[in-house]
C-alpha cells in the first residue's frame, strides 16, 4: 500500500508541473543545465590570439578519432577563426572567483577584440608543442589552465557543409579532433585513481538580463559500481581497453580474466598489454591468453 500511495503522490506532483515552451537558447532560458565551459583560443586575422568562453563544448566521438563538439554563434570570433584556420585550443581553468568577471566580459557577444583583450584576466603563452608554437595559425594557450585540448577542425560529419557558415546564420557546429591533451601533473593521479579532482567553475547560463551565473562545487565522491553476477567481465573490458590504444581486449578474453582478484586486475592487464606490445600483438583474445598461460607453465 505504501508503494502505491507514493506512486499516486508522485503522479500528482508531476501533474502540477508548469509547461515551459522552448525558445532560442532553451538550455539557459527555459531550463537548468549546469555545465562546464572552456576558454576557446583561436587566431584572428591580425595574428593575435583571442579568447572566447564557450559552455556548449561536449565530448562527441569517444573512440578514434577522439573529438569534441563545439557549438557557437556562426558570426562569433571563435567560429570565424576556426572556419578560417581549422585550429583552436580548449582551455579549462580552475575556479577563481576573482576572475569570473573577466570571463563574463570576454563572453559578451559582439564585444570588440580590443575590449576583450582588456578584460582578459589570464596569461597567454605559446604551446609547449614545438611545431604548434611555430605555427602562426595555432593559438596561444591560457597559462593558468589545469587542462588543455589542442584541436583541429574536421567536418567529417557534414555538420557545417559550407566553410563560410552561410548554411546556418545562427549556429555553427564544429567537430574538433583532440590531437593532444595537456594536464597539470598534480591532477594526473585523479584520472585513474580518483584521488584528486580540480575545483572547476560551474556555469548556469545567462538569465533575465542579470548576467552570467556561476557556481562552485563540493568535493566529488564515489558511488560503487553494481556487482551483477555474470557481467563482471564488462568492467574488465572497459578498464582493460583504456590501458593502451595499440592493444585491445576481446570480451571473451575478459570473461576468462574474471578469475583474477580485483585488487590485482589492473596490474595483470597492464602486464598482458606490455607482453602483447613486445610480441607485436594488437588484440588479446582467448587464443593469446592460452598462449601466455602455456608459456608461464613451461617457465
C-alpha atoms as a PDB file:
ATOM      1  CA  UNK A   1       0.000   0.000   0.000  1.00  0.00           C
ATOM      2  CA  UNK A   2       2.825   2.396   0.834  1.00  0.00           C
ATOM      3  CA  UNK A   3       4.359   1.902  -2.614  1.00  0.00           C
ATOM      4  CA  UNK A   4       1.001   2.595  -4.313  1.00  0.00           C
ATOM      5  CA  UNK A   5       0.486   5.691  -2.161  1.00  0.00           C
ATOM      6  CA  UNK A   6       3.939   7.025  -3.121  1.00  0.00           C
ATOM      7  CA  UNK A   7       3.177   6.422  -6.806  1.00  0.00           C
ATOM      8  CA  UNK A   8      -0.081   8.396  -6.554  1.00  0.00           C
ATOM      9  CA  UNK A   9       1.656  11.265  -4.776  1.00  0.00           C
ATOM     10  CA  UNK A  10       4.453  11.288  -7.346  1.00  0.00           C
ATOM     11  CA  UNK A  11       1.978  11.348 -10.221  1.00  0.00           C
ATOM     12  CA  UNK A  12       0.114  14.249  -8.615  1.00  0.00           C
ATOM     13  CA  UNK A  13       3.366  16.149  -8.209  1.00  0.00           C
ATOM     14  CA  UNK A  14       4.234  15.815 -11.901  1.00  0.00           C
ATOM     15  CA  UNK A  15       0.726  16.850 -12.927  1.00  0.00           C
ATOM     16  CA  UNK A  16       1.366  20.091 -11.035  1.00  0.00           C
ATOM     17  CA  UNK A  17       4.424  20.936 -13.148  1.00  0.00           C
ATOM     18  CA  UNK A  18       4.189  24.010 -15.377  1.00  0.00           C
ATOM     19  CA  UNK A  19       4.832  23.723 -19.110  1.00  0.00           C
ATOM     20  CA  UNK A  20       7.615  25.980 -20.406  1.00  0.00           C
ATOM     21  CA  UNK A  21       7.704  26.259 -24.215  1.00  0.00           C
ATOM     22  CA  UNK A  22      11.262  26.007 -25.600  1.00  0.00           C
ATOM     23  CA  UNK A  23      12.639  29.207 -27.114  1.00  0.00           C
ATOM     24  CA  UNK A  24      16.059  30.123 -28.501  1.00  0.00           C
ATOM     25  CA  UNK A  25      18.901  29.317 -26.131  1.00  0.00           C
ATOM     26  CA  UNK A  26      16.486  26.980 -24.320  1.00  0.00           C
ATOM     27  CA  UNK A  27      19.277  25.437 -22.223  1.00  0.00           C
ATOM     28  CA  UNK A  28      19.555  28.666 -20.230  1.00  0.00           C
ATOM     29  CA  UNK A  29      16.278  30.488 -20.924  1.00  0.00           C
ATOM     30  CA  UNK A  30      13.915  27.577 -20.198  1.00  0.00           C
ATOM     31  CA  UNK A  31      15.883  25.048 -18.148  1.00  0.00           C
ATOM     32  CA  UNK A  32      18.583  24.485 -15.550  1.00  0.00           C
ATOM     33  CA  UNK A  33      21.540  22.613 -17.008  1.00  0.00           C
ATOM     34  CA  UNK A  34      24.752  23.164 -15.022  1.00  0.00           C
ATOM     35  CA  UNK A  35      27.714  22.999 -17.373  1.00  0.00           C
ATOM     36  CA  UNK A  36      31.450  23.164 -17.518  1.00  0.00           C
ATOM     37  CA  UNK A  37      32.963  25.583 -20.016  1.00  0.00           C
ATOM     38  CA  UNK A  38      36.151  26.071 -21.982  1.00  0.00           C
ATOM     39  CA  UNK A  39      38.054  29.209 -22.837  1.00  0.00           C
ATOM     40  CA  UNK A  40      38.483  28.605 -26.568  1.00  0.00           C
ATOM     41  CA  UNK A  41      41.551  30.266 -28.005  1.00  0.00           C
ATOM     42  CA  UNK A  42      41.828  30.938 -31.749  1.00  0.00           C
ATOM     43  CA  UNK A  43      43.910  33.169 -34.004  1.00  0.00           C
ATOM     44  CA  UNK A  44      42.377  36.309 -35.504  1.00  0.00           C
ATOM     45  CA  UNK A  45      43.235  37.604 -38.974  1.00  0.00           C
ATOM     46  CA  UNK A  46      45.718  40.058 -37.466  1.00  0.00           C
ATOM     47  CA  UNK A  47      47.645  37.125 -35.985  1.00  0.00           C
ATOM     48  CA  UNK A  48      46.630  37.773 -32.380  1.00  0.00           C
ATOM     49  CA  UNK A  49      45.121  35.116 -30.132  1.00  0.00           C
ATOM     50  CA  UNK A  50      41.583  35.726 -28.940  1.00  0.00           C
ATOM     51  CA  UNK A  51      39.653  34.057 -26.117  1.00  0.00           C
ATOM     52  CA  UNK A  52      36.006  33.044 -26.319  1.00  0.00           C
ATOM     53  CA  UNK A  53      34.307  31.421 -23.292  1.00  0.00           C
ATOM     54  CA  UNK A  54      32.030  28.600 -24.504  1.00  0.00           C
ATOM     55  CA  UNK A  55      29.760  26.354 -22.436  1.00  0.00           C
ATOM     56  CA  UNK A  56      28.449  24.316 -25.362  1.00  0.00           C
ATOM     57  CA  UNK A  57      31.552  22.139 -25.647  1.00  0.00           C
ATOM     58  CA  UNK A  58      30.955  18.414 -25.262  1.00  0.00           C
ATOM     59  CA  UNK A  59      32.669  15.072 -25.875  1.00  0.00           C
ATOM     60  CA  UNK A  60      31.480  13.951 -29.317  1.00  0.00           C
ATOM     61  CA  UNK A  61      33.344  10.875 -30.565  1.00  0.00           C
ATOM     62  CA  UNK A  62      34.701   8.908 -27.606  1.00  0.00           C
ATOM     63  CA  UNK A  63      36.542   6.433 -29.852  1.00  0.00           C
ATOM     64  CA  UNK A  64      39.029   7.201 -32.625  1.00  0.00           C
ATOM     65  CA  UNK A  65      39.155   9.849 -33.916  1.00  0.00           C
ATOM     66  CA  UNK A  66      38.528  11.312 -30.461  1.00  0.00           C
ATOM     67  CA  UNK A  67      36.688  14.597 -30.759  1.00  0.00           C
ATOM     68  CA  UNK A  68      34.741  17.354 -29.051  1.00  0.00           C
ATOM     69  CA  UNK A  69      31.664  19.161 -30.357  1.00  0.00           C
ATOM     70  CA  UNK A  70      31.703  22.946 -30.135  1.00  0.00           C
ATOM     71  CA  UNK A  71      28.504  24.918 -30.764  1.00  0.00           C
ATOM     72  CA  UNK A  72      28.910  28.637 -31.313  1.00  0.00           C
ATOM     73  CA  UNK A  73      27.194  31.592 -32.958  1.00  0.00           C
ATOM     74  CA  UNK A  74      28.094  31.483 -36.648  1.00  0.00           C
ATOM     75  CA  UNK A  75      29.411  35.052 -36.540  1.00  0.00           C
ATOM     76  CA  UNK A  76      31.349  34.778 -33.276  1.00  0.00           C
ATOM     77  CA  UNK A  77      35.066  35.468 -33.403  1.00  0.00           C
ATOM     78  CA  UNK A  78      35.703  31.866 -32.383  1.00  0.00           C
ATOM     79  CA  UNK A  79      33.581  30.437 -35.210  1.00  0.00           C
ATOM     80  CA  UNK A  80      35.002  32.783 -37.833  1.00  0.00           C
ATOM     81  CA  UNK A  81      38.565  31.937 -36.817  1.00  0.00           C
ATOM     82  CA  UNK A  82      38.007  28.166 -36.755  1.00  0.00           C
ATOM     83  CA  UNK A  83      36.444  28.257 -40.219  1.00  0.00           C
ATOM     84  CA  UNK A  84      39.499  30.143 -41.490  1.00  0.00           C
ATOM     85  CA  UNK A  85      42.320  28.249 -39.743  1.00  0.00           C
ATOM     86  CA  UNK A  86      40.740  24.948 -38.657  1.00  0.00           C
ATOM     87  CA  UNK A  87      42.628  25.182 -35.339  1.00  0.00           C
ATOM     88  CA  UNK A  88      41.838  26.007 -31.731  1.00  0.00           C
ATOM     89  CA  UNK A  89      42.599  25.076 -28.131  1.00  0.00           C
ATOM     90  CA  UNK A  90      40.123  24.312 -25.353  1.00  0.00           C
ATOM     91  CA  UNK A  91      41.464  25.744 -22.105  1.00  0.00           C
ATOM     92  CA  UNK A  92      39.842  24.606 -18.842  1.00  0.00           C
ATOM     93  CA  UNK A  93      40.576  26.820 -15.853  1.00  0.00           C
ATOM     94  CA  UNK A  94      40.193  26.257 -12.086  1.00  0.00           C
ATOM     95  CA  UNK A  95      37.584  28.038 -10.003  1.00  0.00           C
ATOM     96  CA  UNK A  96      38.735  31.558  -9.165  1.00  0.00           C
ATOM     97  CA  UNK A  97      36.003  33.952  -8.054  1.00  0.00           C
ATOM     98  CA  UNK A  98      38.157  36.980  -8.823  1.00  0.00           C
ATOM     99  CA  UNK A  99      38.462  36.024 -12.496  1.00  0.00           C
ATOM    100  CA  UNK A 100      34.773  35.277 -13.170  1.00  0.00           C
ATOM    101  CA  UNK A 101      34.048  38.927 -14.027  1.00  0.00           C
ATOM    102  CA  UNK A 102      36.728  38.790 -16.701  1.00  0.00           C
ATOM    103  CA  UNK A 103      35.272  35.576 -18.130  1.00  0.00           C
ATOM    104  CA  UNK A 104      31.824  37.169 -18.271  1.00  0.00           C
ATOM    105  CA  UNK A 105      33.205  40.255 -20.014  1.00  0.00           C
ATOM    106  CA  UNK A 106      35.009  38.157 -22.614  1.00  0.00           C
ATOM    107  CA  UNK A 107      31.833  36.149 -23.246  1.00  0.00           C
ATOM    108  CA  UNK A 108      29.573  39.091 -24.088  1.00  0.00           C
ATOM    109  CA  UNK A 109      28.511  38.835 -27.781  1.00  0.00           C
ATOM    110  CA  UNK A 110      29.773  41.477 -30.166  1.00  0.00           C
ATOM    111  CA  UNK A 111      32.477  42.900 -27.911  1.00  0.00           C
ATOM    112  CA  UNK A 112      35.409  44.304 -29.944  1.00  0.00           C
ATOM    113  CA  UNK A 113      38.696  42.415 -29.747  1.00  0.00           C
ATOM    114  CA  UNK A 114      40.480  45.278 -28.010  1.00  0.00           C
ATOM    115  CA  UNK A 115      37.864  45.311 -25.231  1.00  0.00           C
ATOM    116  CA  UNK A 116      38.111  41.540 -24.799  1.00  0.00           C
ATOM    117  CA  UNK A 117      41.876  41.835 -24.515  1.00  0.00           C
ATOM    118  CA  UNK A 118      41.437  44.487 -21.859  1.00  0.00           C
ATOM    119  CA  UNK A 119      39.010  42.261 -19.928  1.00  0.00           C
ATOM    120  CA  UNK A 120      41.212  39.155 -20.141  1.00  0.00           C
ATOM    121  CA  UNK A 121      42.386  38.166 -16.623  1.00  0.00           C
ATOM    122  CA  UNK A 122      44.617  35.361 -17.897  1.00  0.00           C
ATOM    123  CA  UNK A 123      48.115  34.979 -19.335  1.00  0.00           C
ATOM    124  CA  UNK A 124      48.562  33.782 -22.923  1.00  0.00           C
ATOM    125  CA  UNK A 125      51.647  31.700 -23.725  1.00  0.00           C
ATOM    126  CA  UNK A 126      52.891  29.611 -26.653  1.00  0.00           C
ATOM    127  CA  UNK A 127      52.091  25.915 -26.823  1.00  0.00           C
ATOM    128  CA  UNK A 128      54.766  23.594 -25.368  1.00  0.00           C
ATOM    129  CA  UNK A 129      54.223  21.507 -28.516  1.00  0.00           C
ATOM    130  CA  UNK A 130      57.126  22.771 -30.650  1.00  0.00           C
ATOM    131  CA  UNK A 131      55.508  22.571 -34.083  1.00  0.00           C
ATOM    132  CA  UNK A 132      52.377  24.345 -32.846  1.00  0.00           C
ATOM    133  CA  UNK A 133      54.395  27.100 -31.184  1.00  0.00           C
ATOM    134  CA  UNK A 134      55.909  27.823 -34.620  1.00  0.00           C
ATOM    135  CA  UNK A 135      52.534  27.687 -36.404  1.00  0.00           C
ATOM    136  CA  UNK A 136      51.150  31.235 -36.875  1.00  0.00           C
ATOM    137  CA  UNK A 137      47.617  29.829 -37.224  1.00  0.00           C
ATOM    138  CA  UNK A 138      47.678  27.911 -33.947  1.00  0.00           C
ATOM    139  CA  UNK A 139      46.616  29.981 -30.927  1.00  0.00           C
ATOM    140  CA  UNK A 140      48.389  30.634 -27.705  1.00  0.00           C
ATOM    141  CA  UNK A 141      47.218  28.847 -24.566  1.00  0.00           C
ATOM    142  CA  UNK A 142      45.899  30.045 -21.215  1.00  0.00           C
ATOM    143  CA  UNK A 143      48.800  29.580 -18.794  1.00  0.00           C
ATOM    144  CA  UNK A 144      46.536  29.278 -15.732  1.00  0.00           C
ATOM    145  CA  UNK A 145      44.678  26.273 -17.208  1.00  0.00           C
ATOM    146  CA  UNK A 146      44.519  22.945 -15.419  1.00  0.00           C
ATOM    147  CA  UNK A 147      43.971  21.043 -18.684  1.00  0.00           C
ATOM    148  CA  UNK A 148      44.115  21.976 -22.361  1.00  0.00           C
ATOM    149  CA  UNK A 149      42.954  20.191 -25.501  1.00  0.00           C
ATOM    150  CA  UNK A 150      44.836  21.155 -28.662  1.00  0.00           C
ATOM    151  CA  UNK A 151      42.407  20.599 -31.527  1.00  0.00           C
ATOM    152  CA  UNK A 152      41.929  20.698 -35.276  1.00  0.00           C
ATOM    153  CA  UNK A 153      38.584  21.018 -37.007  1.00  0.00           C
ATOM    154  CA  UNK A 154      37.430  18.262 -39.335  1.00  0.00           C
ATOM    155  CA  UNK A 155      33.871  18.486 -40.692  1.00  0.00           C
ATOM    156  CA  UNK A 156      33.701  14.756 -41.411  1.00  0.00           C
ATOM    157  CA  UNK A 157      30.020  14.524 -40.449  1.00  0.00           C
ATOM    158  CA  UNK A 158      28.879  17.421 -42.627  1.00  0.00           C
ATOM    159  CA  UNK A 159      27.620  19.450 -39.672  1.00  0.00           C
ATOM    160  CA  UNK A 160      28.790  22.567 -41.453  1.00  0.00           C
ATOM    161  CA  UNK A 161      28.761  21.953 -45.175  1.00  0.00           C
ATOM    162  CA  UNK A 162      29.919  25.441 -46.138  1.00  0.00           C
ATOM    163  CA  UNK A 163      33.089  26.787 -44.556  1.00  0.00           C
ATOM    164  CA  UNK A 164      31.739  30.337 -44.580  1.00  0.00           C
ATOM    165  CA  UNK A 165      28.858  29.302 -42.315  1.00  0.00           C
ATOM    166  CA  UNK A 166      26.195  30.701 -44.642  1.00  0.00           C
ATOM    167  CA  UNK A 167      24.177  27.465 -44.435  1.00  0.00           C
ATOM    168  CA  UNK A 168      23.148  28.410 -40.886  1.00  0.00           C
ATOM    169  CA  UNK A 169      23.023  32.092 -39.933  1.00  0.00           C
ATOM    170  CA  UNK A 170      22.922  31.365 -36.211  1.00  0.00           C
ATOM    171  CA  UNK A 171      24.556  28.098 -35.126  1.00  0.00           C
ATOM    172  CA  UNK A 172      27.934  26.717 -36.094  1.00  0.00           C
ATOM    173  CA  UNK A 173      28.765  23.123 -35.148  1.00  0.00           C
ATOM    174  CA  UNK A 174      32.425  22.085 -35.121  1.00  0.00           C
ATOM    175  CA  UNK A 175      33.730  18.567 -34.593  1.00  0.00           C
ATOM    176  CA  UNK A 176      37.173  19.170 -33.124  1.00  0.00           C
ATOM    177  CA  UNK A 177      39.724  16.362 -33.245  1.00  0.00           C
ATOM    178  CA  UNK A 178      41.518  16.147 -29.901  1.00  0.00           C
ATOM    179  CA  UNK A 179      45.139  15.950 -31.024  1.00  0.00           C
ATOM    180  CA  UNK A 180      46.761  16.422 -27.608  1.00  0.00           C
ATOM    181  CA  UNK A 181      45.604  16.748 -24.007  1.00  0.00           C
ATOM    182  CA  UNK A 182      47.900  18.737 -21.744  1.00  0.00           C
ATOM    183  CA  UNK A 183      47.323  18.481 -17.998  1.00  0.00           C
ATOM    184  CA  UNK A 184      48.679  19.837 -14.741  1.00  0.00           C
ATOM    185  CA  UNK A 185      50.748  16.891 -13.412  1.00  0.00           C
ATOM    186  CA  UNK A 186      49.245  17.354  -9.941  1.00  0.00           C
ATOM    187  CA  UNK A 187      45.901  16.204 -11.370  1.00  0.00           C
ATOM    188  CA  UNK A 188      47.085  13.145 -13.284  1.00  0.00           C
ATOM    189  CA  UNK A 189      46.537  10.724 -10.351  1.00  0.00           C
ATOM    190  CA  UNK A 190      42.875  11.677 -10.382  1.00  0.00           C
ATOM    191  CA  UNK A 191      42.322  10.285 -13.870  1.00  0.00           C
ATOM    192  CA  UNK A 192      42.529   6.615 -12.943  1.00  0.00           C
ATOM    193  CA  UNK A 193      42.592   6.567  -9.149  1.00  0.00           C
ATOM    194  CA  UNK A 194      40.091   9.344  -8.432  1.00  0.00           C
ATOM    195  CA  UNK A 195      42.473  10.534  -5.725  1.00  0.00           C
ATOM    196  CA  UNK A 196      42.371  14.210  -6.678  1.00  0.00           C
ATOM    197  CA  UNK A 197      39.891  16.410  -8.529  1.00  0.00           C
ATOM    198  CA  UNK A 198      40.204  20.039  -9.611  1.00  0.00           C
ATOM    199  CA  UNK A 199      37.833  22.682  -8.295  1.00  0.00           C
ATOM    200  CA  UNK A 200      36.218  23.940 -11.525  1.00  0.00           C
ATOM    201  CA  UNK A 201      33.577  26.635 -12.056  1.00  0.00           C
ATOM    202  CA  UNK A 202      30.061  25.527 -12.974  1.00  0.00           C
ATOM    203  CA  UNK A 203      28.096  27.651 -15.451  1.00  0.00           C
ATOM    204  CA  UNK A 204      24.334  28.093 -15.051  1.00  0.00           C
ATOM    205  CA  UNK A 205      23.728  30.326 -18.063  1.00  0.00           C
ATOM    206  CA  UNK A 206      22.769  33.903 -18.827  1.00  0.00           C
ATOM    207  CA  UNK A 207      19.408  34.732 -17.276  1.00  0.00           C
ATOM    208  CA  UNK A 208      16.904  37.605 -17.274  1.00  0.00           C
ATOM    209  CA  UNK A 209      19.475  40.233 -18.263  1.00  0.00           C
ATOM    210  CA  UNK A 210      21.043  39.839 -14.822  1.00  0.00           C
ATOM    211  CA  UNK A 211      24.350  38.492 -16.016  1.00  0.00           C
ATOM    212  CA  UNK A 212      26.165  35.182 -16.240  1.00  0.00           C
ATOM    213  CA  UNK A 213      25.517  32.770 -13.379  1.00  0.00           C
ATOM    214  CA  UNK A 214      28.247  30.584 -11.894  1.00  0.00           C
ATOM    215  CA  UNK A 215      28.549  28.144  -9.012  1.00  0.00           C
ATOM    216  CA  UNK A 216      31.273  26.201  -7.257  1.00  0.00           C
ATOM    217  CA  UNK A 217      31.005  22.537  -6.360  1.00  0.00           C
ATOM    218  CA  UNK A 218      31.772  20.400  -3.340  1.00  0.00           C
ATOM    219  CA  UNK A 219      34.339  17.634  -3.204  1.00  0.00           C
ATOM    220  CA  UNK A 220      33.457  14.765  -5.601  1.00  0.00           C
ATOM    221  CA  UNK A 221      32.614  11.408  -4.071  1.00  0.00           C
ATOM    222  CA  UNK A 222      32.379   7.889  -5.429  1.00  0.00           C
ATOM    223  CA  UNK A 223      29.343   5.619  -5.735  1.00  0.00           C
ATOM    224  CA  UNK A 224      30.323   1.955  -6.023  1.00  0.00           C
ATOM    225  CA  UNK A 225      29.630   0.084  -9.252  1.00  0.00           C
ATOM    226  CA  UNK A 226      26.868  -2.526  -9.051  1.00  0.00           C
ATOM    227  CA  UNK A 227      28.013  -6.142  -8.923  1.00  0.00           C
ATOM    228  CA  UNK A 228      25.798  -8.022 -11.364  1.00  0.00           C
ATOM    229  CA  UNK A 229      26.558 -11.722 -11.413  1.00  0.00           C
ATOM    230  CA  UNK A 230      27.628 -12.868 -14.854  1.00  0.00           C
ATOM    231  CA  UNK A 231      28.531  -9.361 -16.031  1.00  0.00           C
ATOM    232  CA  UNK A 232      31.777  -8.899 -14.081  1.00  0.00           C
ATOM    233  CA  UNK A 233      33.726  -9.058 -17.341  1.00  0.00           C
ATOM    234  CA  UNK A 234      32.184  -5.801 -18.560  1.00  0.00           C
ATOM    235  CA  UNK A 235      34.104  -3.761 -16.001  1.00  0.00           C
ATOM    236  CA  UNK A 236      37.314  -5.550 -17.014  1.00  0.00           C
ATOM    237  CA  UNK A 237      36.549  -4.959 -20.698  1.00  0.00           C
ATOM    238  CA  UNK A 238      36.042  -1.247 -20.097  1.00  0.00           C
ATOM    239  CA  UNK A 239      39.169  -0.783 -17.973  1.00  0.00           C
ATOM    240  CA  UNK A 240      41.482  -3.057 -19.962  1.00  0.00           C
ATOM    241  CA  UNK A 241      40.716  -1.347 -23.261  1.00  0.00           C
ATOM    242  CA  UNK A 242      41.746   2.010 -21.808  1.00  0.00           C
ATOM    243  CA  UNK A 243      45.296   0.947 -20.931  1.00  0.00           C
ATOM    244  CA  UNK A 244      46.885   1.409 -24.371  1.00  0.00           C
ATOM    245  CA  UNK A 245      45.151   2.272 -27.633  1.00  0.00           C
ATOM    246  CA  UNK A 246      47.513  -0.060 -29.515  1.00  0.00           C
ATOM    247  CA  UNK A 247      46.181  -3.183 -27.801  1.00  0.00           C
ATOM    248  CA  UNK A 248      42.519  -4.221 -27.470  1.00  0.00           C
ATOM    249  CA  UNK A 249      40.883  -6.947 -25.359  1.00  0.00           C
ATOM    250  CA  UNK A 250      38.021  -9.097 -26.622  1.00  0.00           C
ATOM    251  CA  UNK A 251      35.019  -9.712 -24.389  1.00  0.00           C
ATOM    252  CA  UNK A 252      35.737 -13.449 -24.452  1.00  0.00           C
ATOM    253  CA  UNK A 253      39.230 -12.805 -23.083  1.00  0.00           C
ATOM    254  CA  UNK A 254      37.854 -10.547 -20.364  1.00  0.00           C
ATOM    255  CA  UNK A 255      35.452 -13.281 -19.259  1.00  0.00           C
ATOM    256  CA  UNK A 256      38.464 -15.504 -18.642  1.00  0.00           C
ATOM    257  CA  UNK A 257      40.158 -12.767 -16.605  1.00  0.00           C
ATOM    258  CA  UNK A 258      37.323 -12.568 -14.039  1.00  0.00           C
ATOM    259  CA  UNK A 259      39.134 -15.244 -12.002  1.00  0.00           C
ATOM    260  CA  UNK A 260      41.853 -12.704 -11.112  1.00  0.00           C
ATOM    261  CA  UNK A 261      41.175 -10.963  -7.747  1.00  0.00           C
ATOM    262  CA  UNK A 262      40.016  -7.386  -8.273  1.00  0.00           C
ATOM    263  CA  UNK A 263      42.953  -5.690  -6.437  1.00  0.00           C
ATOM    264  CA  UNK A 264      45.389  -7.291  -8.897  1.00  0.00           C
ATOM    265  CA  UNK A 265      43.270  -6.980 -12.037  1.00  0.00           C
ATOM    266  CA  UNK A 266      44.674  -3.726 -13.403  1.00  0.00           C
ATOM    267  CA  UNK A 267      48.304  -4.739 -12.939  1.00  0.00           C
ATOM    268  CA  UNK A 268      47.597  -8.085 -14.578  1.00  0.00           C
ATOM    269  CA  UNK A 269      46.004  -6.405 -17.586  1.00  0.00           C
ATOM    270  CA  UNK A 270      48.931  -3.997 -17.878  1.00  0.00           C
ATOM    271  CA  UNK A 271      51.339  -6.923 -17.886  1.00  0.00           C
ATOM    272  CA  UNK A 272      49.325  -8.538 -20.675  1.00  0.00           C
ATOM    273  CA  UNK A 273      49.423  -5.297 -22.664  1.00  0.00           C
ATOM    274  CA  UNK A 274      53.194  -4.949 -22.193  1.00  0.00           C
ATOM    275  CA  UNK A 275      53.698  -8.510 -23.341  1.00  0.00           C
ATOM    276  CA  UNK A 276      51.439  -8.037 -26.348  1.00  0.00           C
ATOM    277  CA  UNK A 277      53.291  -4.902 -27.423  1.00  0.00           C
ATOM    278  CA  UNK A 278      56.635  -6.672 -27.114  1.00  0.00           C
ATOM    279  CA  UNK A 279      55.297  -9.540 -29.241  1.00  0.00           C
ATOM    280  CA  UNK A 280      53.707  -7.279 -31.838  1.00  0.00           C
ATOM    281  CA  UNK A 281      50.181  -8.400 -30.886  1.00  0.00           C
ATOM    282  CA  UNK A 282      47.359  -5.856 -31.218  1.00  0.00           C
ATOM    283  CA  UNK A 283      44.458  -7.940 -29.854  1.00  0.00           C
ATOM    284  CA  UNK A 284      44.295 -10.004 -26.683  1.00  0.00           C
ATOM    285  CA  UNK A 285      41.802 -12.815 -27.260  1.00  0.00           C
ATOM    286  CA  UNK A 286      41.257 -16.307 -25.842  1.00  0.00           C
ATOM    287  CA  UNK A 287      43.978 -17.795 -28.053  1.00  0.00           C
ATOM    288  CA  UNK A 288      46.531 -15.226 -26.866  1.00  0.00           C
ATOM    289  CA  UNK A 289      45.645 -15.854 -23.199  1.00  0.00           C
ATOM    290  CA  UNK A 290      46.080 -19.589 -23.752  1.00  0.00           C
ATOM    291  CA  UNK A 291      49.469 -18.935 -25.313  1.00  0.00           C
ATOM    292  CA  UNK A 292      50.531 -16.786 -22.342  1.00  0.00           C
ATOM    293  CA  UNK A 293      49.369 -19.431 -19.861  1.00  0.00           C
ATOM    294  CA  UNK A 294      51.295 -22.150 -21.709  1.00  0.00           C
ATOM    295  CA  UNK A 295      54.461 -20.057 -21.692  1.00  0.00           C
ATOM    296  CA  UNK A 296      54.126 -19.436 -17.940  1.00  0.00           C
ATOM    297  CA  UNK A 297      53.564 -23.127 -17.216  1.00  0.00           C
ATOM    298  CA  UNK A 298      56.752 -24.005 -19.106  1.00  0.00           C
ATOM    299  CA  UNK A 299      58.905 -21.411 -17.358  1.00  0.00           C
END
